[in-house]
């Protein structure tokens, strides 16, 4: 199932991803640091929301209270919990 998450407090404005059987695939960010976010998307492909949250939750970008990776963790956990 395709999910779209509007980010808060980051340069990226949106994250889209598919989640099937509790596995995240096809992560794509709109905006943000293109190369870094392509790398993040590739690295988390095939992970569960819990695995992504363990790696990405709480990461900050500069002086911001969040980051694109942190927002991704929020997005996949929200989608997972809504699907229960």
PDB file of N, CA and C in Angstrom:
ATOM      1  N   UNK A   1       0.841  -1.177   0.000  1.00  0.00           N
ATOM      2  CA  UNK A   1       0.000   0.000   0.000  1.00  0.00           C
ATOM      3  C   UNK A   1       0.888   1.242   0.000  1.00  0.00           C
ATOM      4  N   UNK A   2       0.555   2.203  -0.812  1.00  0.00           N
ATOM      5  CA  UNK A   2       1.305   3.463  -0.940  1.00  0.00           C
ATOM      6  C   UNK A   2       0.915   4.404   0.199  1.00  0.00           C
ATOM      7  N   UNK A   3       1.924   5.034   0.789  1.00  0.00           N
ATOM      8  CA  UNK A   3       1.715   6.004   1.861  1.00  0.00           C
ATOM      9  C   UNK A   3       2.425   7.297   1.498  1.00  0.00           C
ATOM     10  N   UNK A   4       1.825   8.412   1.897  1.00  0.00           N
ATOM     11  CA  UNK A   4       2.430   9.727   1.704  1.00  0.00           C
ATOM     12  C   UNK A   4       2.390  10.451   3.046  1.00  0.00           C
ATOM     13  N   UNK A   5       3.534  10.979   3.436  1.00  0.00           N
ATOM     14  CA  UNK A   5       3.678  11.650   4.730  1.00  0.00           C
ATOM     15  C   UNK A   5       4.233  13.045   4.493  1.00  0.00           C
ATOM     16  N   UNK A   6       3.565  14.047   5.029  1.00  0.00           N
ATOM     17  CA  UNK A   6       4.037  15.432   4.938  1.00  0.00           C
ATOM     18  C   UNK A   6       4.962  15.693   6.124  1.00  0.00           C
ATOM     19  N   UNK A   7       6.193  16.031   5.831  1.00  0.00           N
ATOM     20  CA  UNK A   7       7.188  16.230   6.879  1.00  0.00           C
ATOM     21  C   UNK A   7       6.986  17.562   7.591  1.00  0.00           C
ATOM     22  N   UNK A   8       7.614  17.668   8.757  1.00  0.00           N
ATOM     23  CA  UNK A   8       7.580  18.902   9.535  1.00  0.00           C
ATOM     24  C   UNK A   8       9.001  19.222   9.979  1.00  0.00           C
ATOM     25  N   UNK A   9       9.453  20.437   9.720  1.00  0.00           N
ATOM     26  CA  UNK A   9      10.738  20.895  10.220  1.00  0.00           C
ATOM     27  C   UNK A   9      11.950  20.450   9.421  1.00  0.00           C
ATOM     28  N   UNK A  10      11.744  19.995   8.176  1.00  0.00           N
ATOM     29  CA  UNK A  10      12.872  19.561   7.348  1.00  0.00           C
ATOM     30  C   UNK A  10      12.811  20.217   5.983  1.00  0.00           C
ATOM     31  N   UNK A  11      13.909  20.137   5.267  1.00  0.00           N
ATOM     32  CA  UNK A  11      13.961  20.668   3.900  1.00  0.00           C
ATOM     33  C   UNK A  11      13.096  19.828   2.959  1.00  0.00           C
ATOM     34  N   UNK A  12      13.097  18.517   3.164  1.00  0.00           N
ATOM     35  CA  UNK A  12      12.181  17.655   2.399  1.00  0.00           C
ATOM     36  C   UNK A  12      10.760  17.965   2.862  1.00  0.00           C
ATOM     37  N   UNK A  13       9.835  18.025   1.935  1.00  0.00           N
ATOM     38  CA  UNK A  13       8.458  18.383   2.281  1.00  0.00           C
ATOM     39  C   UNK A  13       7.530  17.184   2.358  1.00  0.00           C
ATOM     40  N   UNK A  14       7.959  16.064   1.779  1.00  0.00           N
ATOM     41  CA  UNK A  14       7.078  14.899   1.707  1.00  0.00           C
ATOM     42  C   UNK A  14       7.910  13.629   1.568  1.00  0.00           C
ATOM     43  N   UNK A  15       7.378  12.537   2.124  1.00  0.00           N
ATOM     44  CA  UNK A  15       7.991  11.217   1.962  1.00  0.00           C
ATOM     45  C   UNK A  15       6.897  10.280   1.475  1.00  0.00           C
ATOM     46  N   UNK A  16       7.193   9.542   0.410  1.00  0.00           N
ATOM     47  CA  UNK A  16       6.256   8.521  -0.047  1.00  0.00           C
ATOM     48  C   UNK A  16       6.964   7.168   0.033  1.00  0.00           C
ATOM     49  N   UNK A  17       6.193   6.126   0.300  1.00  0.00           N
ATOM     50  CA  UNK A  17       6.751   4.785   0.414  1.00  0.00           C
ATOM     51  C   UNK A  17       5.624   3.763   0.309  1.00  0.00           C
ATOM     52  N   UNK A  18       6.017   2.540   0.002  1.00  0.00           N
ATOM     53  CA  UNK A  18       5.087   1.412  -0.012  1.00  0.00           C
ATOM     54  C   UNK A  18       5.354   0.582   1.228  1.00  0.00           C
ATOM     55  N   UNK A  19       4.285  -0.003   1.787  1.00  0.00           N
ATOM     56  CA  UNK A  19       4.440  -0.944   2.884  1.00  0.00           C
ATOM     57  C   UNK A  19       3.541  -2.140   2.619  1.00  0.00           C
ATOM     58  N   UNK A  20       4.157  -3.297   2.508  1.00  0.00           N
ATOM     59  CA  UNK A  20       3.432  -4.551   2.301  1.00  0.00           C
ATOM     60  C   UNK A  20       3.927  -5.568   3.315  1.00  0.00           C
ATOM     61  N   UNK A  21       3.013  -6.176   4.030  1.00  0.00           N
ATOM     62  CA  UNK A  21       3.359  -7.206   5.018  1.00  0.00           C
ATOM     63  C   UNK A  21       4.403  -6.709   6.010  1.00  0.00           C
ATOM     64  N   UNK A  22       4.299  -5.440   6.404  1.00  0.00           N
ATOM     65  CA  UNK A  22       5.196  -4.876   7.401  1.00  0.00           C
ATOM     66  C   UNK A  22       6.597  -4.573   6.919  1.00  0.00           C
ATOM     67  N   UNK A  23       6.793  -4.522   5.597  1.00  0.00           N
ATOM     68  CA  UNK A  23       8.106  -4.220   5.024  1.00  0.00           C
ATOM     69  C   UNK A  23       7.998  -2.953   4.175  1.00  0.00           C
ATOM     70  N   UNK A  24       8.953  -2.049   4.356  1.00  0.00           N
ATOM     71  CA  UNK A  24       8.961  -0.760   3.662  1.00  0.00           C
ATOM     72  C   UNK A  24       9.792  -0.862   2.383  1.00  0.00           C
ATOM     73  N   UNK A  25       9.241  -0.325   1.296  1.00  0.00           N
ATOM     74  CA  UNK A  25       9.931  -0.331   0.002  1.00  0.00           C
ATOM     75  C   UNK A  25       9.657   0.997  -0.716  1.00  0.00           C
ATOM     76  N   UNK A  26      10.491   1.296  -1.703  1.00  0.00           N
ATOM     77  CA  UNK A  26      10.266   2.425  -2.619  1.00  0.00           C
ATOM     78  C   UNK A  26      10.136   3.771  -1.904  1.00  0.00           C
ATOM     79  N   UNK A  27      11.018   4.034  -0.955  1.00  0.00           N
ATOM     80  CA  UNK A  27      10.996   5.312  -0.243  1.00  0.00           C
ATOM     81  C   UNK A  27      11.482   6.413  -1.184  1.00  0.00           C
ATOM     82  N   UNK A  28      10.738   7.512  -1.224  1.00  0.00           N
ATOM     83  CA  UNK A  28      11.121   8.658  -2.051  1.00  0.00           C
ATOM     84  C   UNK A  28      10.823   9.945  -1.285  1.00  0.00           C
ATOM     85  N   UNK A  29      11.788  10.841  -1.270  1.00  0.00           N
ATOM     86  CA  UNK A  29      11.635  12.131  -0.618  1.00  0.00           C
ATOM     87  C   UNK A  29      11.407  13.202  -1.672  1.00  0.00           C
ATOM     88  N   UNK A  30      10.584  14.192  -1.349  1.00  0.00           N
ATOM     89  CA  UNK A  30      10.393  15.362  -2.191  1.00  0.00           C
ATOM     90  C   UNK A  30      11.150  16.506  -1.532  1.00  0.00           C
ATOM     91  N   UNK A  31      12.126  17.059  -2.240  1.00  0.00           N
ATOM     92  CA  UNK A  31      12.959  18.111  -1.673  1.00  0.00           C
ATOM     93  C   UNK A  31      14.074  17.513  -0.835  1.00  0.00           C
ATOM     94  N   UNK A  32      14.793  18.363  -0.146  1.00  0.00           N
ATOM     95  CA  UNK A  32      15.878  17.901   0.712  1.00  0.00           C
ATOM     96  C   UNK A  32      17.170  17.685  -0.047  1.00  0.00           C
ATOM     97  N   UNK A  33      18.122  17.062   0.600  1.00  0.00           N
ATOM     98  CA  UNK A  33      19.452  16.797   0.037  1.00  0.00           C
ATOM     99  C   UNK A  33      19.388  15.546  -0.832  1.00  0.00           C
ATOM    100  N   UNK A  34      19.297  15.746  -2.117  1.00  0.00           N
ATOM    101  CA  UNK A  34      19.021  14.680  -3.071  1.00  0.00           C
ATOM    102  C   UNK A  34      19.898  13.443  -2.893  1.00  0.00           C
ATOM    103  N   UNK A  35      21.196  13.602  -2.900  1.00  0.00           N
ATOM    104  CA  UNK A  35      22.095  12.449  -2.805  1.00  0.00           C
ATOM    105  C   UNK A  35      21.961  11.709  -1.488  1.00  0.00           C
ATOM    106  N   UNK A  36      21.940  12.460  -0.400  1.00  0.00           N
ATOM    107  CA  UNK A  36      21.816  11.831   0.917  1.00  0.00           C
ATOM    108  C   UNK A  36      20.493  11.082   1.059  1.00  0.00           C
ATOM    109  N   UNK A  37      19.435  11.664   0.559  1.00  0.00           N
ATOM    110  CA  UNK A  37      18.130  11.029   0.719  1.00  0.00           C
ATOM    111  C   UNK A  37      17.960   9.824  -0.199  1.00  0.00           C
ATOM    112  N   UNK A  38      18.632   9.834  -1.342  1.00  0.00           N
ATOM    113  CA  UNK A  38      18.650   8.624  -2.178  1.00  0.00           C
ATOM    114  C   UNK A  38      19.364   7.503  -1.440  1.00  0.00           C
ATOM    115  N   UNK A  39      20.439   7.845  -0.742  1.00  0.00           N
ATOM    116  CA  UNK A  39      21.180   6.842   0.029  1.00  0.00           C
ATOM    117  C   UNK A  39      20.321   6.296   1.162  1.00  0.00           C
ATOM    118  N   UNK A  40      19.662   7.173   1.894  1.00  0.00           N
ATOM    119  CA  UNK A  40      18.779   6.727   2.986  1.00  0.00           C
ATOM    120  C   UNK A  40      17.702   5.806   2.426  1.00  0.00           C
ATOM    121  N   UNK A  41      17.094   6.201   1.320  1.00  0.00           N
ATOM    122  CA  UNK A  41      16.032   5.394   0.711  1.00  0.00           C
ATOM    123  C   UNK A  41      16.522   4.000   0.351  1.00  0.00           C
ATOM    124  N   UNK A  42      17.709   3.925  -0.218  1.00  0.00           N
ATOM    125  CA  UNK A  42      18.286   2.634  -0.601  1.00  0.00           C
ATOM    126  C   UNK A  42      18.615   1.797   0.625  1.00  0.00           C
ATOM    127  N   UNK A  43      19.172   2.421   1.641  1.00  0.00           N
ATOM    128  CA  UNK A  43      19.588   1.692   2.840  1.00  0.00           C
ATOM    129  C   UNK A  43      18.419   1.098   3.621  1.00  0.00           C
ATOM    130  N   UNK A  44      17.274   1.778   3.635  1.00  0.00           N
ATOM    131  CA  UNK A  44      16.136   1.277   4.418  1.00  0.00           C
ATOM    132  C   UNK A  44      15.219   0.361   3.620  1.00  0.00           C
ATOM    133  N   UNK A  45      15.437   0.244   2.317  1.00  0.00           N
ATOM    134  CA  UNK A  45      14.572  -0.598   1.489  1.00  0.00           C
ATOM    135  C   UNK A  45      14.596  -2.040   1.993  1.00  0.00           C
ATOM    136  N   UNK A  46      13.429  -2.580   2.281  1.00  0.00           N
ATOM    137  CA  UNK A  46      13.314  -3.950   2.768  1.00  0.00           C
ATOM    138  C   UNK A  46      13.298  -4.079   4.279  1.00  0.00           C
ATOM    139  N   UNK A  47      13.432  -2.965   4.986  1.00  0.00           N
ATOM    140  CA  UNK A  47      13.394  -2.995   6.452  1.00  0.00           C
ATOM    141  C   UNK A  47      11.965  -2.885   6.963  1.00  0.00           C
ATOM    142  N   UNK A  48      11.776  -3.271   8.209  1.00  0.00           N
ATOM    143  CA  UNK A  48      10.495  -3.078   8.884  1.00  0.00           C
ATOM    144  C   UNK A  48      10.474  -1.687   9.500  1.00  0.00           C
ATOM    145  N   UNK A  49       9.295  -1.160   9.817  1.00  0.00           N
ATOM    146  CA  UNK A  49       9.237   0.138  10.498  1.00  0.00           C
ATOM    147  C   UNK A  49      10.043   0.156  11.798  1.00  0.00           C
ATOM    148  N   UNK A  50      10.022  -0.935  12.540  1.00  0.00           N
ATOM    149  CA  UNK A  50      10.779  -0.998  13.793  1.00  0.00           C
ATOM    150  C   UNK A  50      12.279  -0.878  13.519  1.00  0.00           C
ATOM    151  N   UNK A  51      12.775  -1.569  12.511  1.00  0.00           N
ATOM    152  CA  UNK A  51      14.196  -1.485  12.169  1.00  0.00           C
ATOM    153  C   UNK A  51      14.575  -0.070  11.742  1.00  0.00           C
ATOM    154  N   UNK A  52      13.723   0.554  10.943  1.00  0.00           N
ATOM    155  CA  UNK A  52      13.993   1.926  10.497  1.00  0.00           C
ATOM    156  C   UNK A  52      14.001   2.871  11.697  1.00  0.00           C
ATOM    157  N   UNK A  53      13.037   2.723  12.588  1.00  0.00           N
ATOM    158  CA  UNK A  53      12.972   3.585  13.770  1.00  0.00           C
ATOM    159  C   UNK A  53      14.203   3.407  14.653  1.00  0.00           C
ATOM    160  N   UNK A  54      14.673   2.172  14.808  1.00  0.00           N
ATOM    161  CA  UNK A  54      15.864   1.922  15.629  1.00  0.00           C
ATOM    162  C   UNK A  54      17.091   2.635  15.064  1.00  0.00           C
ATOM    163  N   UNK A  55      17.182   2.733  13.750  1.00  0.00           N
ATOM    164  CA  UNK A  55      18.334   3.364  13.104  1.00  0.00           C
ATOM    165  C   UNK A  55      18.190   4.882  12.966  1.00  0.00           C
ATOM    166  N   UNK A  56      16.969   5.369  12.744  1.00  0.00           N
ATOM    167  CA  UNK A  56      16.784   6.761  12.319  1.00  0.00           C
ATOM    168  C   UNK A  56      16.120   7.677  13.341  1.00  0.00           C
ATOM    169  N   UNK A  57      15.356   7.129  14.271  1.00  0.00           N
ATOM    170  CA  UNK A  57      14.607   7.960  15.218  1.00  0.00           C
ATOM    171  C   UNK A  57      15.559   8.785  16.073  1.00  0.00           C
ATOM    172  N   UNK A  58      15.272  10.058  16.196  1.00  0.00           N
ATOM    173  CA  UNK A  58      16.035  10.941  17.064  1.00  0.00           C
ATOM    174  C   UNK A  58      17.214  11.626  16.407  1.00  0.00           C
ATOM    175  N   UNK A  59      17.515  11.310  15.151  1.00  0.00           N
ATOM    176  CA  UNK A  59      18.609  11.974  14.454  1.00  0.00           C
ATOM    177  C   UNK A  59      18.201  13.422  14.183  1.00  0.00           C
ATOM    178  N   UNK A  60      19.099  14.340  14.458  1.00  0.00           N
ATOM    179  CA  UNK A  60      18.831  15.762  14.224  1.00  0.00           C
ATOM    180  C   UNK A  60      19.692  16.259  13.082  1.00  0.00           C
ATOM    181  N   UNK A  61      19.225  17.296  12.405  1.00  0.00           N
ATOM    182  CA  UNK A  61      19.957  17.908  11.300  1.00  0.00           C
ATOM    183  C   UNK A  61      20.366  19.315  11.739  1.00  0.00           C
ATOM    184  N   UNK A  62      21.661  19.514  11.941  1.00  0.00           N
ATOM    185  CA  UNK A  62      22.132  20.826  12.377  1.00  0.00           C
ATOM    186  C   UNK A  62      21.482  21.229  13.684  1.00  0.00           C
ATOM    187  N   UNK A  63      20.898  22.424  13.692  1.00  0.00           N
ATOM    188  CA  UNK A  63      20.254  22.930  14.899  1.00  0.00           C
ATOM    189  C   UNK A  63      18.757  22.605  14.949  1.00  0.00           C
ATOM    190  N   UNK A  64      18.275  21.893  13.955  1.00  0.00           N
ATOM    191  CA  UNK A  64      16.859  21.512  13.922  1.00  0.00           C
ATOM    192  C   UNK A  64      16.599  20.408  14.947  1.00  0.00           C
ATOM    193  N   UNK A  65      15.375  20.292  15.375  1.00  0.00           N
ATOM    194  CA  UNK A  65      14.996  19.260  16.337  1.00  0.00           C
ATOM    195  C   UNK A  65      14.653  17.936  15.681  1.00  0.00           C
ATOM    196  N   UNK A  66      14.772  17.868  14.360  1.00  0.00           N
ATOM    197  CA  UNK A  66      14.437  16.668  13.609  1.00  0.00           C
ATOM    198  C   UNK A  66      15.344  16.595  12.390  1.00  0.00           C
ATOM    199  N   UNK A  67      15.135  15.588  11.571  1.00  0.00           N
ATOM    200  CA  UNK A  67      15.874  15.433  10.318  1.00  0.00           C
ATOM    201  C   UNK A  67      14.984  14.650   9.361  1.00  0.00           C
ATOM    202  N   UNK A  68      15.420  14.530   8.127  1.00  0.00           N
ATOM    203  CA  UNK A  68      14.648  13.731   7.167  1.00  0.00           C
ATOM    204  C   UNK A  68      14.585  12.267   7.605  1.00  0.00           C
ATOM    205  N   UNK A  69      15.690  11.759   8.151  1.00  0.00           N
ATOM    206  CA  UNK A  69      15.696  10.369   8.637  1.00  0.00           C
ATOM    207  C   UNK A  69      14.737  10.198   9.807  1.00  0.00           C
ATOM    208  N   UNK A  70      14.722  11.159  10.723  1.00  0.00           N
ATOM    209  CA  UNK A  70      13.802  11.125  11.865  1.00  0.00           C
ATOM    210  C   UNK A  70      12.355  11.192  11.381  1.00  0.00           C
ATOM    211  N   UNK A  71      12.094  12.032  10.394  1.00  0.00           N
ATOM    212  CA  UNK A  71      10.748  12.141   9.832  1.00  0.00           C
ATOM    213  C   UNK A  71      10.337  10.839   9.139  1.00  0.00           C
ATOM    214  N   UNK A  72      11.294  10.166   8.500  1.00  0.00           N
ATOM    215  CA  UNK A  72      11.003   8.870   7.893  1.00  0.00           C
ATOM    216  C   UNK A  72      10.596   7.867   8.965  1.00  0.00           C
ATOM    217  N   UNK A  73      11.320   7.844  10.073  1.00  0.00           N
ATOM    218  CA  UNK A  73      10.961   6.948  11.177  1.00  0.00           C
ATOM    219  C   UNK A  73       9.537   7.239  11.652  1.00  0.00           C
ATOM    220  N   UNK A  74       9.206   8.513  11.813  1.00  0.00           N
ATOM    221  CA  UNK A  74       7.840   8.888  12.216  1.00  0.00           C
ATOM    222  C   UNK A  74       6.813   8.403  11.201  1.00  0.00           C
ATOM    223  N   UNK A  75       7.127   8.581   9.928  1.00  0.00           N
ATOM    224  CA  UNK A  75       6.193   8.233   8.860  1.00  0.00           C
ATOM    225  C   UNK A  75       5.894   6.743   8.821  1.00  0.00           C
ATOM    226  N   UNK A  76       6.939   5.918   8.870  1.00  0.00           N
ATOM    227  CA  UNK A  76       6.707   4.475   8.759  1.00  0.00           C
ATOM    228  C   UNK A  76       6.043   3.919  10.010  1.00  0.00           C
ATOM    229  N   UNK A  77       6.375   4.452  11.181  1.00  0.00           N
ATOM    230  CA  UNK A  77       5.711   3.998  12.407  1.00  0.00           C
ATOM    231  C   UNK A  77       4.238   4.382  12.404  1.00  0.00           C
ATOM    232  N   UNK A  78       3.947   5.590  11.945  1.00  0.00           N
ATOM    233  CA  UNK A  78       2.553   6.034  11.866  1.00  0.00           C
ATOM    234  C   UNK A  78       1.764   5.142  10.915  1.00  0.00           C
ATOM    235  N   UNK A  79       2.299   4.876   9.752  1.00  0.00           N
ATOM    236  CA  UNK A  79       1.610   4.030   8.766  1.00  0.00           C
ATOM    237  C   UNK A  79       1.413   2.615   9.305  1.00  0.00           C
ATOM    238  N   UNK A  80       2.434   2.096   9.966  1.00  0.00           N
ATOM    239  CA  UNK A  80       2.348   0.748  10.530  1.00  0.00           C
ATOM    240  C   UNK A  80       1.262   0.678  11.594  1.00  0.00           C
ATOM    241  N   UNK A  81       1.255   1.650  12.518  1.00  0.00           N
ATOM    242  CA  UNK A  81       0.280   1.663  13.607  1.00  0.00           C
ATOM    243  C   UNK A  81      -1.140   1.882  13.109  1.00  0.00           C
ATOM    244  N   UNK A  82      -1.297   2.668  12.058  1.00  0.00           N
ATOM    245  CA  UNK A  82      -2.632   2.884  11.492  1.00  0.00           C
ATOM    246  C   UNK A  82      -3.143   1.633  10.791  1.00  0.00           C
ATOM    247  N   UNK A  83      -2.223   0.797  10.316  1.00  0.00           N
ATOM    248  CA  UNK A  83      -2.600  -0.420   9.601  1.00  0.00           C
ATOM    249  C   UNK A  83      -2.933  -1.596  10.497  1.00  0.00           C
ATOM    250  N   UNK A  84      -2.702  -1.451  11.794  1.00  0.00           N
ATOM    251  CA  UNK A  84      -2.988  -2.553  12.728  1.00  0.00           C
ATOM    252  C   UNK A  84      -4.464  -2.753  12.912  1.00  0.00           C
TER     253      UNK A  84
END
